[in-house]
């Protein structure tokens, strides 16, 4: 029996251990840029919150609509009068010979009573209700357009964060290659110096270069880790998870090299920022209508039905308990007559706010035009700069290679080699940055040219 219990404990312990391992297992992701965009649009914190805002707006819309639909309520009350109220009746009511100043205390009600009432309320006409339904539709439109804008911003942020990871990765790889080359040159120079054919300054100059590269590599490795964490945060992936990017910076740059995009244009009114400004103007106009509607009468009706019973003891669940029914049908008409100019002042405020929103709308139109022109210019510069930096890198590699050959032939000094190497390292970083700028600036241009509309999720 003891052996059986011990075996059972071991089995349960192993199961618990395996469950704990499963719960602490780190998730792994391997994503291309397109896969990252698809994942982020579904799982990023901003995208999910924006979709929740749309759901909230849908509920608010129905809340407003429901105010004009039948409202049914019920009420059940029970009272137990531990000390019943006492009334005083002139004694002459019961005894004509009694002194007129005498009163007799009496208790009319029974100690316990219960009642149940159901009420049906129906709004028949309310101008503010009609306008409220219109405003609910506008608010829903605002939240849907806000979701579209959020998705565009999330997409751009993912592209930039993904590009930063690739940029840091390529920088690490290039620095490692440069360190390998410098260390080889340093070893060769050290041997030449030890054989009495070189100067110690040449060795020291290469040592300085190697130390600087090591420092840059360590810093870039840390930047790469931060870039990965930033990408995870943008995607909505836990920071402690594992993430691998599967695209290469150069391949992605070629995909984002699109001269046709420079010729593309849109109507500014289709831009999401303009549409949001238009929604705000529509909402301001609706608020003007709402204030004006408050001068209209409100008509509502109600009908209720109920029953009540009383007893000196709790017999309300008994078949013998008597209940007395009652029912009321009522109509209520409320007509605003005079507000001492308060409604007029409120309406004037809303009209001025609406006027401001129209100015904001016109500004949004021109701002969209400016953003498109600016983004197009930035992308054009990024393409031109990429071509320039590609040529500069080729030249810097040739110059560094020539100076390296001259150095080991004793024609060039270590200082000249160091200058050529520094120029090469800068050209490498400029080339990597130029590739990133092509990707980032195309994403920015695509964002301002985007004319997407809200699409509900499919169940």
Foldseek 3Di string as FASTA:
>chain_A
DVVVVVVVVVVVVVVVVVVVCVVPDFAEAEAALVRLLVLQCVAAPLLVVLVVQLVVLVVVLVVLVCVQPKDKDKDKDKAFAPPADKDWDQPCVVPVVDDRVDTDIDGDAARMKMKMKMKIKHWDDFQLSVLVSVLSVLSSQLSQLVSVLSSLVLSLQLLLLLLQLLLLVVLLVVLVVVLVVLVVLLVVQVVCVVVVNDDVVLNVLSVVVNVVSVVVNVVSVVSNLVSVQSSCNSSNHDSPHHYHYDDHLVVVLVVLPDPVLLVDDDQLCLFSLLVSLVSVLVSLVSVLSSLVSVQAKIKMKMKMKMWMFGDNDPCVVPPPTDIDIDMDIDMDIGHDDDDPCPSVVSSVVSVVVSVVSVVVSVVSSVVLVVQLVVLSVQLVVLSVQLVVLVVQLVVLVVLLVVQSVCVVVVNHGSVSNSVSVVSNSVSVSSNSVSSSSNSSSSSSNCNSRDSDGRDDDDD
